[in-house]
Amino acid sequence: MVNDGPLTTDQVVEMSKRLPEVLLKESDSWTNITFKGRGFAWVNHPENRAMIKGHHAERAALLATSPHVYEAGWATISTAWVLVHLEHADAEEVAELLEEAWRMTATKRAIRAYDEHR
């Protein structure tokens, strides 16, 4: 993926649309990105930020290596969300984070079908 300038929320939404069975819930200022209604990311358009579901270890690595790009979001026992400052983020890395978040949320059947058609 080529990015000639800072990554934008619109680009993140477009990236997410490439994943199967993604549904978007939109307002003027944000878009909630879901797999069949189960959220795995959202973007805040005015602030050019994204919040993406992830694993605790992945979030810790992102925060340690790129603190100017990533901040800790909320966390549960099984997930650790990461806030992404898109103007500093690498588009390919964000696409990978979105796919992993989708995989954490999607059904095994959807994941298997996606992998078979790649």
Protein backbone atom coordinates (compact mmCIF):
# COMPACT_ATOMS: atom_id res chain seq x y z
CA MET A 1 0.00 0.00 0.00
CA VAL A 2 1.46 3.36 -1.05
CA ASN A 3 0.80 6.37 1.14
CA ASP A 4 1.93 9.69 -0.34
CA GLY A 5 1.06 11.63 2.79
CA PRO A 6 -0.19 11.22 6.32
CA LEU A 7 -2.60 8.34 6.81
CA THR A 8 -6.22 9.43 7.22
CA THR A 9 -9.31 8.00 8.84
CA ASP A 10 -10.94 7.66 5.42
CA GLN A 11 -8.05 5.44 4.32
CA VAL A 12 -8.45 3.30 7.44
CA VAL A 13 -12.16 2.86 6.70
CA GLU A 14 -11.29 1.84 3.11
CA MET A 15 -8.71 -0.67 4.41
CA SER A 16 -11.32 -2.22 6.68
CA LYS A 17 -13.79 -2.61 3.81
CA ARG A 18 -11.37 -5.10 2.20
CA LEU A 19 -12.07 -7.54 5.03
CA PRO A 20 -15.09 -9.85 4.74
CA GLU A 21 -18.44 -9.06 6.33
CA VAL A 22 -17.36 -5.70 7.71
CA LEU A 23 -20.22 -3.41 8.66
CA LEU A 24 -19.73 0.29 9.30
CA LYS A 25 -21.70 2.42 11.73
CA GLU A 26 -21.09 6.04 10.84
CA SER A 27 -21.75 9.50 12.20
CA ASP A 28 -20.35 12.90 11.27
CA SER A 29 -17.32 12.54 13.49
CA TRP A 30 -16.64 8.80 13.84
CA THR A 31 -16.99 5.42 12.15
CA ASN A 32 -17.34 2.19 14.12
CA ILE A 33 -15.82 -0.72 12.17
CA THR A 34 -17.43 -4.06 12.96
CA PHE A 35 -17.61 -7.70 11.93
CA LYS A 36 -21.37 -8.32 11.76
CA GLY A 37 -21.93 -5.68 14.43
CA ARG A 38 -19.06 -6.75 16.75
CA GLY A 39 -16.62 -3.86 16.94
CA PHE A 40 -12.92 -4.29 16.26
CA ALA A 41 -11.93 -0.71 15.45
CA TRP A 42 -13.25 2.82 15.22
CA VAL A 43 -11.98 6.07 13.84
CA ASN A 44 -12.40 9.64 15.04
CA HIS A 45 -12.44 11.75 11.88
CA PRO A 46 -11.87 15.25 13.35
CA GLU A 47 -8.87 14.07 15.41
CA ASN A 48 -7.49 11.71 12.71
CA ARG A 49 -7.23 8.89 15.25
CA ALA A 50 -8.10 5.20 15.22
CA MET A 51 -8.72 2.80 18.09
CA ILE A 52 -7.92 -0.80 17.14
CA LYS A 53 -8.45 -4.02 19.10
CA GLY A 54 -5.34 -6.06 19.78
CA HIS A 55 -3.51 -8.45 22.04
CA HIS A 56 -1.79 -7.23 25.21
CA ALA A 57 1.70 -8.26 24.01
CA GLU A 58 1.23 -6.55 20.64
CA ARG A 59 0.08 -3.33 22.27
CA ALA A 60 3.02 -3.36 24.67
CA ALA A 61 5.43 -3.79 21.75
CA LEU A 62 3.83 -0.94 19.80
CA LEU A 63 3.95 1.40 22.78
CA ALA A 64 7.59 0.53 23.46
CA THR A 65 8.81 0.96 19.89
CA SER A 66 6.63 3.85 18.63
CA PRO A 67 5.24 5.93 21.52
CA HIS A 68 4.72 8.92 19.20
CA VAL A 69 2.34 6.81 17.10
CA TYR A 70 0.55 4.60 19.63
CA GLU A 71 -1.12 5.11 23.00
CA ALA A 72 -2.80 2.65 25.30
CA GLY A 73 -6.55 2.47 24.95
CA TRP A 74 -8.85 0.52 27.21
CA ALA A 75 -8.21 -3.12 28.00
CA THR A 76 -10.03 -6.23 29.15
CA ILE A 77 -8.65 -9.57 30.26
CA SER A 78 -8.47 -10.77 26.65
CA THR A 79 -7.97 -7.58 24.60
CA ALA A 80 -5.92 -4.42 24.69
CA TRP A 81 -7.03 -1.59 22.44
CA VAL A 82 -4.46 0.77 20.98
CA LEU A 83 -5.00 4.40 19.98
CA VAL A 84 -3.24 5.24 16.72
CA HIS A 85 -2.17 8.78 15.77
CA LEU A 86 -2.70 8.24 12.06
CA GLU A 87 -0.62 11.20 10.86
CA HIS A 88 2.47 9.38 12.18
CA ALA A 89 1.43 5.80 11.40
CA ASP A 90 2.65 3.46 8.68
CA ALA A 91 -0.25 2.42 6.42
CA GLU A 92 0.93 -1.19 6.05
CA GLU A 93 1.29 -1.60 9.81
CA VAL A 94 -2.20 -0.19 10.38
CA ALA A 95 -3.59 -2.57 7.74
CA GLU A 96 -1.95 -5.47 9.58
CA LEU A 97 -3.38 -4.29 12.90
CA LEU A 98 -6.85 -4.06 11.35
CA GLU A 99 -6.61 -7.56 9.93
CA GLU A 100 -5.48 -8.98 13.27
CA ALA A 101 -8.31 -7.15 15.05
CA TRP A 102 -10.76 -8.54 12.49
CA ARG A 103 -9.37 -12.06 13.09
CA MET A 104 -9.87 -11.61 16.84
CA THR A 105 -13.52 -10.74 16.20
CA ALA A 106 -14.60 -12.77 13.16
CA THR A 107 -15.92 -16.31 13.23
CA LYS A 108 -13.60 -19.25 12.47
CA ARG A 109 -15.67 -19.91 9.37
CA ALA A 110 -15.20 -16.36 8.07
CA ILE A 111 -11.46 -16.49 8.78
CA ARG A 112 -11.11 -19.84 7.00
CA ALA A 113 -13.00 -18.54 3.96
CA TYR A 114 -10.88 -15.38 3.88
CA ASP A 115 -7.64 -17.37 4.08
CA GLU A 116 -8.75 -19.76 1.33
CA HIS A 117 -9.38 -16.88 -1.10
CA ARG A 118 -6.20 -14.88 -0.53
